[in-house]
Amino acid sequence: MNHSKGMAAIACRALEDKKGQEVTVIDISEVSCLADYFIIANGENSNQVQAMVDNVEEEMEKAGYHFTQREGYQTARWVLLDYKDIVVHVFSKEDRRFYDLERIWRDGKFVDVKELEG
C-alpha cells in the first residue's frame, strides 16, 4: 500500500499545482479490488481540467508510472486516469456534483491529502 500511497501523493500534488479544486482522496482498498485509492478533483472549465490531467500524466511519468487507461479527455467533463493502484478522476464542477463519487464510495476511508506525504 505504501507504493500506491506514494503514487496518490504525486497525483495530488500535480492536481494542486494546477489549482485543482476540492482534491479528495478515498482509500478503497478494503471495499474494492479496483484500486487502493480514488483521487477526485474538479476544475473551473475544460481547459483547466485538461491542464490538471496533463500535469498528473507528466508528473506520474517522471516518477516512472504510466496510466493503463485514459477516458474522457476530449470532452474534459469527467476524465479518468487508471494507474491500476490509483484511479484519478478529474471533473468539471457540474459533473462532479452530478456523479457524486464521494457518496457512492462513502464506505471507503477518506484520507487527508497531507497524510499521503508522510
C-alpha atoms as a PDB file:
ATOM      1  CA  MET A   1       0.000   0.000   0.000  1.00  0.00           C
ATOM      2  CA  ASN A   2       2.956   2.375   0.570  1.00  0.00           C
ATOM      3  CA  HIS A   3       3.667   2.203  -3.162  1.00  0.00           C
ATOM      4  CA  SER A   4       0.145   3.313  -4.021  1.00  0.00           C
ATOM      5  CA  LYS A   5       0.234   5.930  -1.245  1.00  0.00           C
ATOM      6  CA  GLY A   6       3.287   7.487  -2.938  1.00  0.00           C
ATOM      7  CA  MET A   7       1.523   7.409  -6.282  1.00  0.00           C
ATOM      8  CA  ALA A   8      -1.508   9.129  -4.754  1.00  0.00           C
ATOM      9  CA  ALA A   9       0.734  11.827  -3.256  1.00  0.00           C
ATOM     10  CA  ILE A  10       2.287  12.566  -6.653  1.00  0.00           C
ATOM     11  CA  ALA A  11      -1.128  12.781  -8.321  1.00  0.00           C
ATOM     12  CA  CYS A  12      -2.497  15.090  -5.612  1.00  0.00           C
ATOM     13  CA  ARG A  13       0.481  17.450  -5.851  1.00  0.00           C
ATOM     14  CA  ALA A  14       0.086  17.554  -9.627  1.00  0.00           C
ATOM     15  CA  LEU A  15      -3.608  18.427  -9.305  1.00  0.00           C
ATOM     16  CA  GLU A  16      -2.934  21.094  -6.705  1.00  0.00           C
ATOM     17  CA  ASP A  17      -0.135  22.586  -8.850  1.00  0.00           C
ATOM     18  CA  LYS A  18      -2.801  23.379 -11.460  1.00  0.00           C
ATOM     19  CA  LYS A  19      -5.221  24.779  -8.868  1.00  0.00           C
ATOM     20  CA  GLY A  20      -7.398  21.681  -8.746  1.00  0.00           C
ATOM     21  CA  GLN A  21     -10.389  22.232  -6.506  1.00  0.00           C
ATOM     22  CA  GLU A  22     -11.573  20.046  -3.643  1.00  0.00           C
ATOM     23  CA  VAL A  23      -8.897  17.375  -4.087  1.00  0.00           C
ATOM     24  CA  THR A  24     -10.291  14.340  -2.278  1.00  0.00           C
ATOM     25  CA  VAL A  25      -8.610  11.009  -1.597  1.00  0.00           C
ATOM     26  CA  ILE A  26     -10.576   7.879  -0.767  1.00  0.00           C
ATOM     27  CA  ASP A  27      -8.840   4.691   0.341  1.00  0.00           C
ATOM     28  CA  ILE A  28     -10.980   1.995  -1.268  1.00  0.00           C
ATOM     29  CA  SER A  29      -8.553  -0.894  -0.669  1.00  0.00           C
ATOM     30  CA  GLU A  30     -10.805  -2.570   1.897  1.00  0.00           C
ATOM     31  CA  VAL A  31     -14.040  -2.187  -0.055  1.00  0.00           C
ATOM     32  CA  SER A  32     -12.952  -2.863  -3.645  1.00  0.00           C
ATOM     33  CA  CYS A  33     -10.354  -4.666  -5.699  1.00  0.00           C
ATOM     34  CA  LEU A  34     -10.410  -1.925  -8.371  1.00  0.00           C
ATOM     35  CA  ALA A  35      -7.597   0.097  -6.797  1.00  0.00           C
ATOM     36  CA  ASP A  36      -6.183   1.249  -3.467  1.00  0.00           C
ATOM     37  CA  TYR A  37      -7.096   4.918  -3.873  1.00  0.00           C
ATOM     38  CA  PHE A  38      -9.518   7.091  -5.776  1.00  0.00           C
ATOM     39  CA  ILE A  39      -8.378  10.687  -6.184  1.00  0.00           C
ATOM     40  CA  ILE A  40     -11.133  13.118  -7.118  1.00  0.00           C
ATOM     41  CA  ALA A  41     -10.803  16.781  -8.095  1.00  0.00           C
ATOM     42  CA  ASN A  42     -12.528  19.338 -10.260  1.00  0.00           C
ATOM     43  CA  GLY A  43     -11.628  22.346 -12.349  1.00  0.00           C
ATOM     44  CA  GLU A  44     -13.455  25.509 -13.332  1.00  0.00           C
ATOM     45  CA  ASN A  45     -13.527  24.822 -17.091  1.00  0.00           C
ATOM     46  CA  SER A  46     -12.447  22.288 -19.706  1.00  0.00           C
ATOM     47  CA  ASN A  47      -9.060  23.968 -20.240  1.00  0.00           C
ATOM     48  CA  GLN A  48      -8.241  23.713 -16.549  1.00  0.00           C
ATOM     49  CA  VAL A  49      -9.455  20.101 -16.390  1.00  0.00           C
ATOM     50  CA  GLN A  50      -7.177  19.180 -19.298  1.00  0.00           C
ATOM     51  CA  ALA A  51      -4.242  21.089 -17.753  1.00  0.00           C
ATOM     52  CA  MET A  52      -4.744  19.196 -14.495  1.00  0.00           C
ATOM     53  CA  VAL A  53      -4.834  15.864 -16.315  1.00  0.00           C
ATOM     54  CA  ASP A  54      -1.770  16.760 -18.394  1.00  0.00           C
ATOM     55  CA  ASN A  55       0.149  17.654 -15.226  1.00  0.00           C
ATOM     56  CA  VAL A  56      -0.820  14.410 -13.489  1.00  0.00           C
ATOM     57  CA  GLU A  57       0.323  12.423 -16.524  1.00  0.00           C
ATOM     58  CA  GLU A  58       3.604  14.357 -16.713  1.00  0.00           C
ATOM     59  CA  GLU A  59       4.437  14.078 -13.003  1.00  0.00           C
ATOM     60  CA  MET A  60       3.469  10.409 -12.821  1.00  0.00           C
ATOM     61  CA  GLU A  61       5.566   9.651 -15.904  1.00  0.00           C
ATOM     62  CA  LYS A  62       8.582  11.417 -14.340  1.00  0.00           C
ATOM     63  CA  ALA A  63       8.172   9.066 -11.378  1.00  0.00           C
ATOM     64  CA  GLY A  64       8.015   6.047 -13.686  1.00  0.00           C
ATOM     65  CA  TYR A  65       4.261   5.444 -13.646  1.00  0.00           C
ATOM     66  CA  HIS A  66       2.151   5.142 -16.790  1.00  0.00           C
ATOM     67  CA  PHE A  67      -1.625   5.022 -16.951  1.00  0.00           C
ATOM     68  CA  THR A  68      -3.245   1.892 -18.294  1.00  0.00           C
ATOM     69  CA  GLN A  69      -6.341   3.745 -19.456  1.00  0.00           C
ATOM     70  CA  ARG A  70      -7.470   7.311 -20.011  1.00  0.00           C
ATOM     71  CA  GLU A  71     -11.092   8.203 -20.715  1.00  0.00           C
ATOM     72  CA  GLY A  72     -12.927  11.462 -21.335  1.00  0.00           C
ATOM     73  CA  TYR A  73     -10.020  13.773 -22.182  1.00  0.00           C
ATOM     74  CA  GLN A  74     -11.604  15.282 -25.298  1.00  0.00           C
ATOM     75  CA  THR A  75     -14.782  16.450 -23.597  1.00  0.00           C
ATOM     76  CA  ALA A  76     -12.990  17.242 -20.304  1.00  0.00           C
ATOM     77  CA  ARG A  77     -16.164  16.804 -18.265  1.00  0.00           C
ATOM     78  CA  TRP A  78     -15.015  13.659 -16.450  1.00  0.00           C
ATOM     79  CA  VAL A  79     -11.502  12.457 -17.179  1.00  0.00           C
ATOM     80  CA  LEU A  80     -10.437   9.150 -15.705  1.00  0.00           C
ATOM     81  CA  LEU A  81      -6.791   8.095 -15.418  1.00  0.00           C
ATOM     82  CA  ASP A  82      -6.317   4.472 -14.357  1.00  0.00           C
ATOM     83  CA  TYR A  83      -2.896   3.671 -12.896  1.00  0.00           C
ATOM     84  CA  LYS A  84      -4.095   0.284 -11.521  1.00  0.00           C
ATOM     85  CA  ASP A  85      -3.203   1.076  -7.886  1.00  0.00           C
ATOM     86  CA  ILE A  86      -4.810   4.512  -8.039  1.00  0.00           C
ATOM     87  CA  VAL A  87      -7.554   5.971 -10.200  1.00  0.00           C
ATOM     88  CA  VAL A  88      -7.640   9.725 -10.759  1.00  0.00           C
ATOM     89  CA  HIS A  89     -10.985  11.365 -11.561  1.00  0.00           C
ATOM     90  CA  VAL A  90     -10.930  14.978 -12.769  1.00  0.00           C
ATOM     91  CA  PHE A  91     -14.334  16.552 -13.257  1.00  0.00           C
ATOM     92  CA  SER A  92     -15.976  19.733 -14.347  1.00  0.00           C
ATOM     93  CA  LYS A  93     -17.675  21.235 -11.286  1.00  0.00           C
ATOM     94  CA  GLU A  94     -21.178  20.358 -12.543  1.00  0.00           C
ATOM     95  CA  ASP A  95     -20.346  16.769 -13.426  1.00  0.00           C
ATOM     96  CA  ARG A  96     -18.639  16.188 -10.095  1.00  0.00           C
ATOM     97  CA  ARG A  97     -21.823  17.208  -8.283  1.00  0.00           C
ATOM     98  CA  PHE A  98     -23.954  15.083 -10.619  1.00  0.00           C
ATOM     99  CA  TYR A  99     -21.924  11.852 -10.318  1.00  0.00           C
ATOM    100  CA  ASP A 100     -21.052  12.378  -6.621  1.00  0.00           C
ATOM    101  CA  LEU A 101     -18.400   9.655  -6.346  1.00  0.00           C
ATOM    102  CA  GLU A 102     -17.805  10.594  -2.725  1.00  0.00           C
ATOM    103  CA  ARG A 103     -21.337   9.425  -1.916  1.00  0.00           C
ATOM    104  CA  ILE A 104     -21.017   6.263  -3.983  1.00  0.00           C
ATOM    105  CA  TRP A 105     -17.685   5.352  -2.342  1.00  0.00           C
ATOM    106  CA  ARG A 106     -18.591   6.520   1.180  1.00  0.00           C
ATOM    107  CA  ASP A 107     -17.694   3.068   2.552  1.00  0.00           C
ATOM    108  CA  GLY A 108     -14.064   3.852   1.758  1.00  0.00           C
ATOM    109  CA  LYS A 109     -11.811   5.753   4.145  1.00  0.00           C
ATOM    110  CA  PHE A 110     -11.427   9.446   3.366  1.00  0.00           C
ATOM    111  CA  VAL A 111      -7.754  10.383   3.647  1.00  0.00           C
ATOM    112  CA  ASP A 112      -6.337  13.845   4.311  1.00  0.00           C
ATOM    113  CA  VAL A 113      -4.064  14.745   1.390  1.00  0.00           C
ATOM    114  CA  LYS A 114      -1.386  15.798   3.923  1.00  0.00           C
ATOM    115  CA  GLU A 115      -1.291  12.233   5.291  1.00  0.00           C
ATOM    116  CA  LEU A 116      -0.044  10.969   1.929  1.00  0.00           C
ATOM    117  CA  GLU A 117       3.179  12.927   2.256  1.00  0.00           C
ATOM    118  CA  GLY A 118       4.255  11.080   5.406  1.00  0.00           C
END
